[in-house]
Amino acid sequence: MDTELNAIHDTVEGIKEKLVNDLRGVRADIDDLLKDVANSTTEEIAAARAKIEGTLGEATSRLADARIAVTEKAKGAADATHAYVRENPWKVFGVAAAAAGFIIGFLLSRR
């Protein structure tokens, strides 16, 4: 289960890095466009705008893919947790009781 969670974390981190790089690329393209607008013709502006729209479209697509991947991974983790709880109800109950006892003890000690 730990290996599975590490794989999920690595996948999410990889997707996050790709998205950050894509958004940095979009920002750089926008900065270039703003610098060039003053000295450009309408055709050059249209070409730059098309390039930015393409880059932004790719970033949006990757963001949608990342959302789907994270959702699938979260569902997998939830299913694994559910299976563990069904297979080990007394262990889970014991941990929950210990946590509740700890919280109650902490609250009573503050009085």
C-alpha atoms as a PDB file:
ATOM      1  CA  MET A   1       0.000   0.000   0.000  1.00  0.00           C
ATOM      2  CA  ASP A   2       2.905   2.368   0.763  1.00  0.00           C
ATOM      3  CA  THR A   3       4.413   1.617  -2.638  1.00  0.00           C
ATOM      4  CA  GLU A   4       1.085   2.408  -4.274  1.00  0.00           C
ATOM      5  CA  LEU A   5       0.833   5.744  -2.444  1.00  0.00           C
ATOM      6  CA  ASN A   6       4.421   6.622  -3.420  1.00  0.00           C
ATOM      7  CA  ALA A   7       3.610   5.872  -7.059  1.00  0.00           C
ATOM      8  CA  ILE A   8       0.537   8.083  -6.840  1.00  0.00           C
ATOM      9  CA  HIS A   9       2.584  10.891  -5.284  1.00  0.00           C
ATOM     10  CA  ASP A  10       5.293  10.585  -7.964  1.00  0.00           C
ATOM     11  CA  THR A  11       2.683  10.687 -10.733  1.00  0.00           C
ATOM     12  CA  VAL A  12       0.969  13.728  -9.269  1.00  0.00           C
ATOM     13  CA  GLU A  13       4.319  15.506  -8.812  1.00  0.00           C
ATOM     14  CA  GLY A  14       5.267  14.788 -12.440  1.00  0.00           C
ATOM     15  CA  ILE A  15       1.956  16.145 -13.691  1.00  0.00           C
ATOM     16  CA  LYS A  16       2.350  19.202 -11.460  1.00  0.00           C
ATOM     17  CA  GLU A  17       5.824  19.927 -12.841  1.00  0.00           C
ATOM     18  CA  LYS A  18       4.594  19.653 -16.443  1.00  0.00           C
ATOM     19  CA  LEU A  19       1.718  22.039 -15.719  1.00  0.00           C
ATOM     20  CA  VAL A  20       3.993  24.570 -14.051  1.00  0.00           C
ATOM     21  CA  ASN A  21       6.370  24.441 -17.013  1.00  0.00           C
ATOM     22  CA  ASP A  22       3.473  24.868 -19.453  1.00  0.00           C
ATOM     23  CA  LEU A  23       2.143  27.865 -17.556  1.00  0.00           C
ATOM     24  CA  ARG A  24       5.615  29.407 -17.439  1.00  0.00           C
ATOM     25  CA  GLY A  25       5.797  28.958 -21.216  1.00  0.00           C
ATOM     26  CA  VAL A  26       2.438  30.681 -21.648  1.00  0.00           C
ATOM     27  CA  ARG A  27       3.598  33.538 -19.434  1.00  0.00           C
ATOM     28  CA  ALA A  28       6.824  33.903 -21.411  1.00  0.00           C
ATOM     29  CA  ASP A  29       4.848  33.944 -24.667  1.00  0.00           C
ATOM     30  CA  ILE A  30       2.529  36.622 -23.309  1.00  0.00           C
ATOM     31  CA  ASP A  31       5.486  38.706 -22.142  1.00  0.00           C
ATOM     32  CA  ASP A  32       7.036  38.431 -25.613  1.00  0.00           C
ATOM     33  CA  LEU A  33       3.735  39.403 -27.209  1.00  0.00           C
ATOM     34  CA  LEU A  34       3.398  42.489 -25.028  1.00  0.00           C
ATOM     35  CA  LYS A  35       6.940  43.574 -25.876  1.00  0.00           C
ATOM     36  CA  ASP A  36       6.368  43.074 -29.588  1.00  0.00           C
ATOM     37  CA  VAL A  37       2.919  44.681 -29.823  1.00  0.00           C
ATOM     38  CA  ALA A  38       4.245  48.218 -30.030  1.00  0.00           C
ATOM     39  CA  ASN A  39       6.423  47.494 -33.074  1.00  0.00           C
ATOM     40  CA  SER A  40       4.406  44.792 -34.828  1.00  0.00           C
ATOM     41  CA  THR A  41       2.003  44.654 -37.700  1.00  0.00           C
ATOM     42  CA  THR A  42      -1.462  43.228 -37.398  1.00  0.00           C
ATOM     43  CA  GLU A  43      -0.340  39.984 -39.059  1.00  0.00           C
ATOM     44  CA  GLU A  44       2.522  39.511 -36.588  1.00  0.00           C
ATOM     45  CA  ILE A  45       0.179  40.139 -33.669  1.00  0.00           C
ATOM     46  CA  ALA A  46      -2.286  37.601 -35.071  1.00  0.00           C
ATOM     47  CA  ALA A  47       0.496  35.014 -35.441  1.00  0.00           C
ATOM     48  CA  ALA A  48       1.713  35.649 -31.891  1.00  0.00           C
ATOM     49  CA  ARG A  49      -1.840  35.417 -30.600  1.00  0.00           C
ATOM     50  CA  ALA A  50      -2.337  32.101 -32.396  1.00  0.00           C
ATOM     51  CA  LYS A  51       0.882  30.790 -30.851  1.00  0.00           C
ATOM     52  CA  ILE A  52      -0.237  31.824 -27.357  1.00  0.00           C
ATOM     53  CA  GLU A  53      -3.674  30.306 -27.875  1.00  0.00           C
ATOM     54  CA  GLY A  54      -2.034  27.047 -28.941  1.00  0.00           C
ATOM     55  CA  THR A  55       0.244  26.980 -25.914  1.00  0.00           C
ATOM     56  CA  LEU A  56      -2.648  27.879 -23.621  1.00  0.00           C
ATOM     57  CA  GLY A  57      -4.759  25.155 -25.225  1.00  0.00           C
ATOM     58  CA  GLU A  58      -2.028  22.596 -24.540  1.00  0.00           C
ATOM     59  CA  ALA A  59      -1.756  23.744 -20.926  1.00  0.00           C
ATOM     60  CA  THR A  60      -5.536  23.536 -20.522  1.00  0.00           C
ATOM     61  CA  SER A  61      -5.547  20.054 -22.010  1.00  0.00           C
ATOM     62  CA  ARG A  62      -2.785  18.923 -19.660  1.00  0.00           C
ATOM     63  CA  LEU A  63      -4.662  20.444 -16.732  1.00  0.00           C
ATOM     64  CA  ALA A  64      -7.775  18.452 -17.683  1.00  0.00           C
ATOM     65  CA  ASP A  65      -5.651  15.289 -18.022  1.00  0.00           C
ATOM     66  CA  ALA A  66      -4.077  15.983 -14.626  1.00  0.00           C
ATOM     67  CA  ARG A  67      -7.489  16.449 -13.053  1.00  0.00           C
ATOM     68  CA  ILE A  68      -8.629  13.115 -14.451  1.00  0.00           C
ATOM     69  CA  ALA A  69      -5.434  11.359 -13.345  1.00  0.00           C
ATOM     70  CA  VAL A  70      -5.622  12.785  -9.825  1.00  0.00           C
ATOM     71  CA  THR A  71      -9.298  11.855  -9.586  1.00  0.00           C
ATOM     72  CA  GLU A  72      -8.553   8.282 -10.670  1.00  0.00           C
ATOM     73  CA  LYS A  73      -5.660   8.027  -8.212  1.00  0.00           C
ATOM     74  CA  ALA A  74      -7.813   9.390  -5.385  1.00  0.00           C
ATOM     75  CA  LYS A  75     -10.536   6.875  -6.204  1.00  0.00           C
ATOM     76  CA  GLY A  76      -7.925   4.108  -6.148  1.00  0.00           C
ATOM     77  CA  ALA A  77      -6.645   5.250  -2.771  1.00  0.00           C
ATOM     78  CA  ALA A  78     -10.195   5.453  -1.426  1.00  0.00           C
ATOM     79  CA  ASP A  79     -10.949   1.954  -2.712  1.00  0.00           C
ATOM     80  CA  ALA A  80      -7.757   0.614  -1.110  1.00  0.00           C
ATOM     81  CA  THR A  81      -8.655   2.294   2.186  1.00  0.00           C
ATOM     82  CA  HIS A  82     -12.180   0.903   2.027  1.00  0.00           C
ATOM     83  CA  ALA A  83     -10.832  -2.591   1.371  1.00  0.00           C
ATOM     84  CA  TYR A  84      -8.402  -2.300   4.292  1.00  0.00           C
ATOM     85  CA  VAL A  85     -11.176  -1.183   6.639  1.00  0.00           C
ATOM     86  CA  ARG A  86     -13.393  -4.070   5.528  1.00  0.00           C
ATOM     87  CA  GLU A  87     -10.553  -6.575   6.055  1.00  0.00           C
ATOM     88  CA  ASN A  88      -9.343  -5.105   9.385  1.00  0.00           C
ATOM     89  CA  PRO A  89     -12.304  -3.518  11.172  1.00  0.00           C
ATOM     90  CA  TRP A  90     -10.926  -4.095  14.689  1.00  0.00           C
ATOM     91  CA  LYS A  91      -7.597  -2.480  13.904  1.00  0.00           C
ATOM     92  CA  VAL A  92      -9.355   0.568  12.523  1.00  0.00           C
ATOM     93  CA  PHE A  93     -11.715   0.680  15.490  1.00  0.00           C
ATOM     94  CA  GLY A  94      -8.740   0.463  17.866  1.00  0.00           C
ATOM     95  CA  VAL A  95      -6.926   3.331  16.162  1.00  0.00           C
ATOM     96  CA  ALA A  96     -10.105   5.444  16.148  1.00  0.00           C
ATOM     97  CA  ALA A  97     -10.704   4.713  19.856  1.00  0.00           C
ATOM     98  CA  ALA A  98      -7.093   5.590  20.704  1.00  0.00           C
ATOM     99  CA  ALA A  99      -7.363   8.867  18.782  1.00  0.00           C
ATOM    100  CA  ALA A 100     -10.643   9.726  20.503  1.00  0.00           C
ATOM    101  CA  GLY A 101      -9.095   8.907  23.886  1.00  0.00           C
ATOM    102  CA  PHE A 102      -6.133  11.104  23.129  1.00  0.00           C
ATOM    103  CA  ILE A 103      -8.359  14.021  22.150  1.00  0.00           C
ATOM    104  CA  ILE A 104     -10.593  13.612  25.214  1.00  0.00           C
ATOM    105  CA  GLY A 105      -7.528  13.399  27.474  1.00  0.00           C
ATOM    106  CA  PHE A 106      -6.068  16.512  25.901  1.00  0.00           C
ATOM    107  CA  LEU A 107      -9.300  18.448  26.339  1.00  0.00           C
ATOM    108  CA  LEU A 108      -9.710  17.333  29.974  1.00  0.00           C
ATOM    109  CA  SER A 109      -6.124  18.251  30.827  1.00  0.00           C
ATOM    110  CA  ARG A 110      -6.739  21.829  29.666  1.00  0.00           C
ATOM    111  CA  ARG A 111      -9.383  22.355  32.372  1.00  0.00           C
END
